[in-house]
Amino acid sequence: KHAVGLLDSLLGSLTGIGSGDGDAHDSTTWIPERIFLFGFSAGACLVHELCRMWWNAGRMALGGVICIAGGIQTKEGLPGMKPKGVT
């Protein structure tokens, strides 16, 4: 969770979202839809979890995530989605 928090802070400062300093439309910030994250193995779990956190927080969506040999490790799903087999 510490690594996810650090990556969340980094993306927040780059995009101006959630950081509290600056306007999200400032010309010096990155546009979230143009940010793609890549992760391999444990890094894939990290970027997948970060995207889940951003989605649950209602932040602007990132451009995409490329996960190789890894995936989300939490039991929590996305809002409105039920695990298979749950009615």
Protein backbone atom coordinates (compact mmCIF):
# COMPACT_ATOMS: atom_id res chain seq x y z
CA LYS A 1 0.00 0.00 0.00
CA HIS A 2 2.94 2.33 0.59
CA ALA A 3 4.07 2.02 -3.04
CA VAL A 4 0.52 2.66 -4.30
CA GLY A 5 0.36 5.78 -2.13
CA LEU A 6 3.65 7.06 -3.53
CA LEU A 7 2.54 6.45 -7.10
CA ASP A 8 -0.81 8.10 -6.35
CA SER A 9 1.02 11.19 -5.01
CA LEU A 10 3.26 11.27 -8.07
CA LEU A 11 0.35 11.07 -10.52
CA GLY A 12 -1.59 13.61 -8.47
CA SER A 13 1.26 16.10 -8.71
CA LEU A 14 1.76 15.48 -12.44
CA THR A 15 -1.93 15.84 -13.29
CA GLY A 16 -2.93 18.40 -10.66
CA ILE A 17 -5.71 16.04 -9.55
CA GLY A 18 -6.01 15.42 -5.84
CA SER A 19 -2.85 17.34 -5.02
CA GLY A 20 -4.57 20.55 -4.03
CA ASP A 21 -1.87 22.71 -5.63
CA GLY A 22 -2.80 24.08 -8.95
CA ASP A 23 -5.49 23.86 -11.52
CA ALA A 24 -6.09 20.59 -13.36
CA HIS A 25 -6.27 22.61 -16.59
CA ASP A 26 -2.91 24.32 -16.07
CA SER A 27 -0.61 24.06 -19.10
CA THR A 28 2.15 22.55 -16.95
CA THR A 29 0.11 19.51 -15.88
CA TRP A 30 -0.23 16.23 -17.74
CA ILE A 31 -3.58 15.19 -19.21
CA PRO A 32 -4.70 11.98 -17.44
CA GLU A 33 -6.20 10.48 -20.62
CA ARG A 34 -2.73 10.57 -22.18
CA ILE A 35 -1.03 8.70 -19.33
CA PHE A 36 -0.50 4.97 -19.79
CA LEU A 37 1.00 2.85 -17.04
CA PHE A 38 3.02 -0.31 -17.64
CA GLY A 39 3.72 -2.97 -15.05
CA PHE A 40 5.35 -6.37 -15.03
CA SER A 41 4.72 -8.91 -12.24
CA ALA A 42 4.54 -6.98 -8.95
CA GLY A 43 4.53 -3.72 -10.93
CA ALA A 44 1.43 -4.93 -12.77
CA CYS A 45 -0.31 -5.43 -9.43
CA LEU A 46 0.77 -1.94 -8.38
CA VAL A 47 -0.54 -0.10 -11.45
CA HIS A 48 -3.75 -2.14 -11.48
CA GLU A 49 -4.42 -1.27 -7.83
CA LEU A 50 -3.66 2.41 -8.50
CA CYS A 51 -6.19 2.52 -11.33
CA ARG A 52 -8.79 0.85 -9.09
CA MET A 53 -8.14 3.50 -6.43
CA TRP A 54 -8.49 6.35 -8.97
CA TRP A 55 -11.74 4.84 -10.30
CA ASN A 56 -13.22 4.42 -6.80
CA ALA A 57 -12.22 7.99 -5.88
CA GLY A 58 -14.06 9.33 -8.95
CA ARG A 59 -10.93 10.87 -10.44
CA MET A 60 -10.44 11.41 -14.15
CA ALA A 61 -9.63 8.15 -15.93
CA LEU A 62 -6.11 7.40 -17.09
CA GLY A 63 -5.39 6.52 -20.72
CA GLY A 64 -4.75 2.88 -19.99
CA VAL A 65 -2.82 0.21 -18.17
CA ILE A 66 -0.65 -2.56 -19.57
CA CYS A 67 -0.22 -5.41 -17.08
CA ILE A 68 1.99 -8.39 -17.87
CA ALA A 69 2.16 -11.42 -15.59
CA GLY A 70 0.28 -9.76 -12.75
CA GLY A 71 -3.03 -8.27 -11.79
CA ILE A 72 -5.17 -6.80 -9.08
CA GLN A 73 -4.63 -8.37 -5.66
CA THR A 74 -7.51 -6.92 -3.63
CA LYS A 75 -10.83 -8.50 -2.76
CA GLU A 76 -12.60 -5.22 -3.47
CA GLY A 77 -14.09 -4.76 -6.91
CA LEU A 78 -15.13 -1.75 -8.87
CA PRO A 79 -18.38 -0.07 -7.82
CA GLY A 80 -21.38 -1.67 -9.46
CA MET A 81 -19.53 -4.85 -10.39
CA LYS A 82 -20.18 -8.19 -8.73
CA PRO A 83 -17.75 -11.10 -8.75
CA LYS A 84 -18.78 -14.05 -10.92
CA GLY A 85 -21.09 -16.45 -9.14
CA VAL A 86 -22.54 -13.80 -6.79
CA THR A 87 -26.21 -13.01 -7.21
